[in-house]
Amino acid sequence: MADIILLVEDDRTSRRNLAAFLRLTGHEVYEAEDGEIAMNLLTSTQFDIVISDLNLPGQINGIDILDRLKRIPGKVDGILITGTGSDEIRNRANSLGAAYMEKPIQLKELEKTIQQKAIR
């Protein structure tokens, strides 16, 4: 089943590559380069999964986005990706019901995580 995914990643090359992979695996993908754009998209579009980088430009980071998912009607799963992870960040993501992945992202592992999240 194809999911509607919001991909939030400030690094343009990483975002394009991840989005291309996700589209090739059959998902519909929306892209945002910062948390503010992501929050606007979350108010206008119903997503199945949000994949967000932790560190984003602006005032809103990946944890803020995951926290917002808890207040959206319906089930929206989250995956937090980061290159600057820690046990504290992993625990915070998990407490918000999100999966946690460290960069560099292994594409097969990402797809496996999406599939596990998509089993509702």
Protein backbone atom coordinates (compact mmCIF):
# COMPACT_ATOMS: atom_id res chain seq x y z
CA MET A 1 0.00 0.00 0.00
CA ALA A 2 1.36 3.42 -0.94
CA ASP A 3 1.58 5.95 1.85
CA ILE A 4 1.32 9.70 1.66
CA ILE A 5 4.60 10.87 3.17
CA LEU A 6 5.84 14.27 4.27
CA LEU A 7 9.64 14.39 4.05
CA VAL A 8 11.21 17.22 6.08
CA GLU A 9 14.91 17.63 5.34
CA ASP A 10 16.88 20.85 5.00
CA ASP A 11 19.72 19.37 2.95
CA ARG A 12 18.49 19.70 -0.64
CA THR A 13 20.50 16.78 -2.04
CA SER A 14 19.47 14.41 0.75
CA ARG A 15 15.82 15.48 0.43
CA ARG A 16 15.81 14.97 -3.34
CA ASN A 17 17.49 11.56 -3.09
CA LEU A 18 15.21 10.32 -0.31
CA ALA A 19 12.12 11.64 -2.09
CA ALA A 20 13.16 9.96 -5.35
CA PHE A 21 13.67 6.65 -3.56
CA LEU A 22 10.32 6.91 -1.78
CA ARG A 23 8.53 7.70 -5.03
CA LEU A 24 10.23 4.75 -6.75
CA THR A 25 8.89 2.49 -3.99
CA GLY A 26 5.37 3.72 -4.71
CA HIS A 27 4.78 6.43 -2.13
CA GLU A 28 3.31 9.86 -2.69
CA VAL A 29 5.84 12.34 -1.29
CA TYR A 30 5.55 15.96 -0.23
CA GLU A 31 8.76 17.81 0.59
CA ALA A 32 9.59 20.55 3.08
CA GLU A 33 12.97 22.15 3.76
CA ASP A 34 12.13 23.49 7.21
CA GLY A 35 9.77 23.04 10.13
CA GLU A 36 7.59 26.02 9.34
CA ILE A 37 6.76 24.71 5.86
CA ALA A 38 6.16 21.25 7.34
CA MET A 39 3.72 22.64 9.92
CA ASN A 40 1.80 24.46 7.17
CA LEU A 41 1.58 21.26 5.12
CA LEU A 42 0.37 19.34 8.18
CA THR A 43 -2.60 21.69 8.46
CA SER A 44 -3.62 21.28 4.81
CA THR A 45 -2.83 17.67 3.91
CA GLN A 46 -3.52 14.31 5.57
CA PHE A 47 -0.31 12.32 5.76
CA ASP A 48 0.23 8.69 6.74
CA ILE A 49 3.87 9.14 7.71
CA VAL A 50 6.12 12.12 8.44
CA ILE A 51 9.87 11.60 8.07
CA SER A 52 11.73 14.51 9.62
CA ASP A 53 15.31 15.47 10.20
CA LEU A 54 16.00 16.53 13.78
CA ASN A 55 17.97 19.70 13.08
CA LEU A 56 16.16 22.13 10.83
CA PRO A 57 16.62 25.83 10.11
CA GLY A 58 14.20 28.16 11.86
CA GLN A 59 12.37 27.79 15.15
CA ILE A 60 10.80 24.34 14.61
CA ASN A 61 12.86 21.14 14.82
CA GLY A 62 12.04 17.50 14.17
CA ILE A 63 10.94 16.84 17.77
CA ASP A 64 8.49 19.76 17.53
CA ILE A 65 7.04 18.22 14.37
CA LEU A 66 6.67 14.80 16.04
CA ASP A 67 4.96 16.45 19.00
CA ARG A 68 2.50 18.12 16.61
CA LEU A 69 1.61 14.75 15.08
CA LYS A 70 0.09 13.67 18.40
CA ARG A 71 -2.47 16.49 18.11
CA ILE A 72 -3.58 15.72 14.55
CA PRO A 73 -6.85 13.81 14.22
CA GLY A 74 -6.25 10.33 12.83
CA LYS A 75 -3.06 8.33 12.95
CA VAL A 76 0.07 9.90 11.53
CA ASP A 77 3.26 7.96 12.13
CA GLY A 78 6.62 9.65 12.53
CA ILE A 79 10.21 8.75 11.74
CA LEU A 80 12.97 10.97 13.10
CA ILE A 81 16.27 10.97 11.21
CA THR A 82 19.43 12.64 12.44
CA GLY A 83 23.16 12.80 12.02
CA THR A 84 23.62 14.11 15.56
CA GLY A 85 21.71 11.54 17.56
CA SER A 86 21.92 10.48 21.15
CA ASP A 87 20.14 8.11 23.51
CA GLU A 88 18.22 11.11 24.86
CA ILE A 89 16.94 12.05 21.38
CA ARG A 90 16.13 8.40 20.59
CA ASN A 91 14.15 8.11 23.83
CA ARG A 92 12.30 11.37 23.16
CA ALA A 93 11.37 10.25 19.64
CA ASN A 94 10.23 6.87 20.93
CA SER A 95 8.16 8.51 23.69
CA LEU A 96 6.36 10.43 20.93
CA GLY A 97 5.64 7.14 19.13
CA ALA A 98 8.19 7.70 16.38
CA ALA A 99 10.86 5.49 14.93
CA TYR A 100 14.45 6.77 15.13
CA MET A 101 17.13 6.43 12.47
CA GLU A 102 20.67 7.79 12.32
CA LYS A 103 22.31 9.09 9.15
CA PRO A 104 23.55 7.95 6.81
CA ILE A 105 20.14 6.43 6.13
CA GLN A 106 20.15 2.93 4.71
CA LEU A 107 17.36 2.96 2.11
CA LYS A 108 16.34 -0.66 2.65
CA GLU A 109 16.13 -0.01 6.38
CA LEU A 110 14.04 3.11 5.78
CA GLU A 111 11.58 1.20 3.60
CA LYS A 112 11.40 -1.58 6.20
CA THR A 113 10.65 1.00 8.91
CA ILE A 114 7.96 2.59 6.73
CA GLN A 115 6.35 -0.78 6.14
CA GLN A 116 6.36 -1.53 9.88
CA LYS A 117 4.79 1.86 10.60
CA ALA A 118 2.21 1.35 7.85
CA ILE A 119 0.89 -1.84 9.46
CA ARG A 120 -1.99 -0.35 11.37
